[in-house]
Amino acid sequence: MQAISKLIRRLPVRKKLMLAIVGVGVFVLLFTSAIMTFTAVQDKKQSIVDTLSLTATIIGDNSVMALVNSEPDIVSEKFLGLL
């Protein structure tokens, strides 16, 4: 660690400023990338939940209608189609 601080102390002011600017730029880029990745993962999870919920609702509604109308063969066809 001391070697790095000695190296930085010996650098001219112009190079120190460039190092600071580039360091901040890299940090901002990495932070933004991390936030965007986290957001994309959360959006994908929510999309999967929405799709599964919609599929379950459709299957449930169709099964209830078949059961209410006393059509067990249609219900068994629907469940066999899921396998």
N, C-alpha and C. Protein backbone atom coordinates (compact mmCIF):
# COMPACT_ATOMS: atom_id res chain seq x y z
N MET A 1 0.82 -1.19 0.00
CA MET A 1 0.00 0.00 0.00
C MET A 1 0.87 1.26 0.00
N GLN A 2 1.97 1.19 0.72
CA GLN A 2 2.86 2.35 0.78
C GLN A 2 3.52 2.59 -0.56
N ALA A 3 3.78 1.52 -1.30
CA ALA A 3 4.40 1.68 -2.62
C ALA A 3 3.46 2.44 -3.56
N ILE A 4 2.17 2.15 -3.45
CA ILE A 4 1.20 2.85 -4.30
C ILE A 4 1.11 4.31 -3.91
N SER A 5 1.09 4.60 -2.63
CA SER A 5 1.01 6.00 -2.20
C SER A 5 2.27 6.77 -2.59
N LYS A 6 3.44 6.12 -2.54
CA LYS A 6 4.67 6.79 -2.98
C LYS A 6 4.61 7.07 -4.48
N LEU A 7 4.09 6.09 -5.23
CA LEU A 7 3.98 6.27 -6.67
C LEU A 7 3.04 7.43 -7.01
N ILE A 8 1.95 7.51 -6.30
CA ILE A 8 0.99 8.59 -6.56
C ILE A 8 1.58 9.94 -6.14
N ARG A 9 2.30 9.97 -5.05
CA ARG A 9 2.91 11.22 -4.61
C ARG A 9 3.92 11.75 -5.62
N ARG A 10 4.60 10.84 -6.31
CA ARG A 10 5.62 11.27 -7.28
C ARG A 10 5.03 11.69 -8.62
N LEU A 11 3.76 11.38 -8.86
CA LEU A 11 3.14 11.75 -10.13
C LEU A 11 2.92 13.26 -10.21
N PRO A 12 3.01 13.81 -11.41
CA PRO A 12 2.67 15.23 -11.56
C PRO A 12 1.17 15.46 -11.33
N VAL A 13 0.80 16.69 -11.05
CA VAL A 13 -0.59 17.04 -10.74
C VAL A 13 -1.51 16.67 -11.90
N ARG A 14 -1.05 16.92 -13.11
CA ARG A 14 -1.87 16.62 -14.29
C ARG A 14 -2.22 15.12 -14.34
N LYS A 15 -1.27 14.25 -14.07
CA LYS A 15 -1.52 12.80 -14.09
C LYS A 15 -2.41 12.39 -12.92
N LYS A 16 -2.25 13.04 -11.77
CA LYS A 16 -3.12 12.74 -10.63
C LYS A 16 -4.57 13.09 -10.96
N LEU A 17 -4.77 14.24 -11.61
CA LEU A 17 -6.12 14.63 -11.99
C LEU A 17 -6.71 13.66 -13.00
N MET A 18 -5.90 13.23 -13.97
CA MET A 18 -6.38 12.26 -14.95
C MET A 18 -6.74 10.94 -14.27
N LEU A 19 -5.92 10.51 -13.34
CA LEU A 19 -6.17 9.28 -12.60
C LEU A 19 -7.47 9.38 -11.81
N ALA A 20 -7.69 10.53 -11.18
CA ALA A 20 -8.92 10.74 -10.42
C ALA A 20 -10.15 10.73 -11.33
N ILE A 21 -10.06 11.40 -12.46
CA ILE A 21 -11.19 11.46 -13.39
C ILE A 21 -11.50 10.08 -13.95
N VAL A 22 -10.47 9.36 -14.36
CA VAL A 22 -10.68 8.02 -14.90
C VAL A 22 -11.21 7.08 -13.81
N GLY A 23 -10.69 7.21 -12.60
CA GLY A 23 -11.17 6.38 -11.49
C GLY A 23 -12.64 6.60 -11.21
N VAL A 24 -13.05 7.86 -11.18
CA VAL A 24 -14.46 8.17 -10.95
C VAL A 24 -15.31 7.64 -12.10
N GLY A 25 -14.84 7.79 -13.32
CA GLY A 25 -15.58 7.29 -14.49
C GLY A 25 -15.77 5.78 -14.44
N VAL A 26 -14.72 5.07 -14.08
CA VAL A 26 -14.81 3.61 -13.98
C VAL A 26 -15.77 3.21 -12.87
N PHE A 27 -15.71 3.89 -11.73
CA PHE A 27 -16.62 3.59 -10.63
C PHE A 27 -18.07 3.81 -11.05
N VAL A 28 -18.35 4.93 -11.70
CA VAL A 28 -19.72 5.23 -12.13
C VAL A 28 -20.19 4.19 -13.15
N LEU A 29 -19.32 3.80 -14.06
CA LEU A 29 -19.68 2.80 -15.05
C LEU A 29 -20.00 1.46 -14.40
N LEU A 30 -19.18 1.02 -13.46
CA LEU A 30 -19.43 -0.24 -12.78
C LEU A 30 -20.70 -0.19 -11.93
N PHE A 31 -20.91 0.92 -11.24
CA PHE A 31 -22.11 1.08 -10.41
C PHE A 31 -23.37 1.06 -11.28
N THR A 32 -23.34 1.78 -12.39
CA THR A 32 -24.49 1.81 -13.29
C THR A 32 -24.76 0.44 -13.88
N SER A 33 -23.71 -0.27 -14.25
CA SER A 33 -23.89 -1.62 -14.79
C SER A 33 -24.50 -2.56 -13.76
N ALA A 34 -24.07 -2.44 -12.52
CA ALA A 34 -24.63 -3.28 -11.46
C ALA A 34 -26.11 -2.99 -11.25
N ILE A 35 -26.48 -1.73 -11.25
CA ILE A 35 -27.89 -1.34 -11.07
C ILE A 35 -28.73 -1.85 -12.23
N MET A 36 -28.22 -1.70 -13.45
CA MET A 36 -28.97 -2.15 -14.63
C MET A 36 -29.14 -3.67 -14.62
N THR A 37 -28.11 -4.39 -14.22
CA THR A 37 -28.19 -5.85 -14.15
C THR A 37 -29.21 -6.27 -13.10
N PHE A 38 -29.18 -5.64 -11.94
CA PHE A 38 -30.14 -5.95 -10.88
C PHE A 38 -31.57 -5.68 -11.36
N THR A 39 -31.78 -4.57 -12.04
CA THR A 39 -33.11 -4.22 -12.55
C THR A 39 -33.58 -5.23 -13.60
N ALA A 40 -32.68 -5.65 -14.48
CA ALA A 40 -33.04 -6.63 -15.51
C ALA A 40 -33.42 -7.96 -14.89
N VAL A 41 -32.71 -8.39 -13.87
CA VAL A 41 -33.03 -9.65 -13.19
C VAL A 41 -34.39 -9.55 -12.51
N GLN A 42 -34.66 -8.43 -11.85
CA GLN A 42 -35.95 -8.26 -11.19
C GLN A 42 -37.09 -8.23 -12.20
N ASP A 43 -36.88 -7.57 -13.34
CA ASP A 43 -37.92 -7.54 -14.38
C ASP A 43 -38.19 -8.93 -14.92
N LYS A 44 -37.14 -9.72 -15.11
CA LYS A 44 -37.31 -11.08 -15.62
C LYS A 44 -38.08 -11.94 -14.62
N LYS A 45 -37.74 -11.81 -13.33
CA LYS A 45 -38.47 -12.56 -12.30
C LYS A 45 -39.95 -12.20 -12.31
N GLN A 46 -40.25 -10.90 -12.41
CA GLN A 46 -41.64 -10.45 -12.41
C GLN A 46 -42.37 -10.95 -13.64
N SER A 47 -41.69 -10.98 -14.77
CA SER A 47 -42.29 -11.50 -16.00
C SER A 47 -42.64 -12.98 -15.86
N ILE A 48 -41.75 -13.74 -15.25
CA ILE A 48 -42.01 -15.18 -15.04
C ILE A 48 -43.21 -15.37 -14.11
N VAL A 49 -43.27 -14.57 -13.05
CA VAL A 49 -44.40 -14.67 -12.11
C VAL A 49 -45.71 -14.31 -12.80
N ASP A 50 -45.70 -13.25 -13.61
CA ASP A 50 -46.92 -12.84 -14.31
C ASP A 50 -47.39 -13.92 -15.29
N THR A 51 -46.45 -14.50 -16.03
CA THR A 51 -46.80 -15.54 -16.99
C THR A 51 -47.37 -16.77 -16.29
N LEU A 52 -46.73 -17.18 -15.22
CA LEU A 52 -47.20 -18.35 -14.48
C LEU A 52 -48.57 -18.09 -13.86
N SER A 53 -48.77 -16.90 -13.34
CA SER A 53 -50.05 -16.55 -12.74
C SER A 53 -51.17 -16.56 -13.79
N LEU A 54 -50.89 -16.01 -14.96
CA LEU A 54 -51.88 -15.98 -16.03
C LEU A 54 -52.21 -17.40 -16.50
N THR A 55 -51.19 -18.24 -16.65
CA THR A 55 -51.41 -19.63 -17.06
C THR A 55 -52.25 -20.37 -16.03
N ALA A 56 -51.94 -20.18 -14.76
CA ALA A 56 -52.70 -20.85 -13.70
C ALA A 56 -54.15 -20.37 -13.68
N THR A 57 -54.37 -19.10 -13.90
CA THR A 57 -55.73 -18.55 -13.93
C THR A 57 -56.52 -19.14 -15.09
N ILE A 58 -55.91 -19.21 -16.25
CA ILE A 58 -56.61 -19.76 -17.42
C ILE A 58 -56.95 -21.23 -17.21
N ILE A 59 -55.99 -22.00 -16.71
CA ILE A 59 -56.25 -23.43 -16.47
C ILE A 59 -57.32 -23.60 -15.40
N GLY A 60 -57.24 -22.80 -14.35
CA GLY A 60 -58.24 -22.89 -13.28
C GLY A 60 -59.63 -22.54 -13.76
N ASP A 61 -59.74 -21.47 -14.54
CA ASP A 61 -61.06 -21.07 -15.05
C ASP A 61 -61.65 -22.13 -15.97
N ASN A 62 -60.82 -22.68 -16.84
CA ASN A 62 -61.32 -23.72 -17.75
C ASN A 62 -61.73 -24.98 -17.00
N SER A 63 -60.97 -25.33 -15.97
CA SER A 63 -61.29 -26.53 -15.19
C SER A 63 -62.57 -26.34 -14.39
N VAL A 64 -62.75 -25.17 -13.83
CA VAL A 64 -63.97 -24.90 -13.05
C VAL A 64 -65.20 -24.98 -13.94
N MET A 65 -65.11 -24.41 -15.13
CA MET A 65 -66.26 -24.44 -16.04
C MET A 65 -66.59 -25.87 -16.45
N ALA A 66 -65.56 -26.68 -16.67
CA ALA A 66 -65.81 -28.08 -17.05
C ALA A 66 -66.42 -28.85 -15.88
N LEU A 67 -65.95 -28.59 -14.66
CA LEU A 67 -66.49 -29.27 -13.49
C LEU A 67 -67.93 -28.84 -13.19
N VAL A 68 -68.20 -27.54 -13.37
CA VAL A 68 -69.55 -27.03 -13.11
C VAL A 68 -70.53 -27.64 -14.10
N ASN A 69 -70.09 -27.81 -15.33
CA ASN A 69 -70.96 -28.38 -16.36
C ASN A 69 -70.95 -29.91 -16.34
N SER A 70 -70.33 -30.51 -15.34
CA SER A 70 -70.26 -31.97 -15.16
C SER A 70 -69.70 -32.67 -16.39
N GLU A 71 -68.53 -32.20 -16.83
CA GLU A 71 -67.85 -32.81 -17.97
C GLU A 71 -66.48 -33.30 -17.52
N PRO A 72 -66.43 -34.43 -16.79
CA PRO A 72 -65.14 -34.89 -16.25
C PRO A 72 -64.15 -35.31 -17.33
N ASP A 73 -64.65 -35.76 -18.49
CA ASP A 73 -63.72 -36.15 -19.55
C ASP A 73 -62.94 -34.96 -20.08
N ILE A 74 -63.57 -33.80 -20.15
CA ILE A 74 -62.88 -32.58 -20.61
C ILE A 74 -61.83 -32.16 -19.59
N VAL A 75 -62.18 -32.28 -18.30
CA VAL A 75 -61.23 -31.93 -17.24
C VAL A 75 -60.01 -32.84 -17.32
N SER A 76 -60.24 -34.14 -17.48
CA SER A 76 -59.10 -35.06 -17.56
C SER A 76 -58.26 -34.79 -18.80
N GLU A 77 -58.88 -34.41 -19.91
CA GLU A 77 -58.12 -34.06 -21.12
C GLU A 77 -57.23 -32.84 -20.86
N LYS A 78 -57.77 -31.85 -20.18
CA LYS A 78 -57.00 -30.65 -19.91
C LYS A 78 -55.78 -30.95 -19.01
N PHE A 79 -56.01 -31.77 -17.98
CA PHE A 79 -54.89 -32.08 -17.09
C PHE A 79 -53.88 -33.00 -17.76
N LEU A 80 -54.33 -33.92 -18.59
CA LEU A 80 -53.40 -34.78 -19.32
C LEU A 80 -52.60 -33.98 -20.34
N GLY A 81 -53.21 -32.93 -20.88
CA GLY A 81 -52.50 -32.06 -21.82
C GLY A 81 -51.37 -31.29 -21.16
N LEU A 82 -51.44 -31.10 -19.86
CA LEU A 82 -50.38 -30.38 -19.14
C LEU A 82 -49.15 -31.24 -18.89
N LEU A 83 -49.33 -32.55 -18.89
CA LEU A 83 -48.21 -33.45 -18.61
C LEU A 83 -47.29 -33.56 -19.75
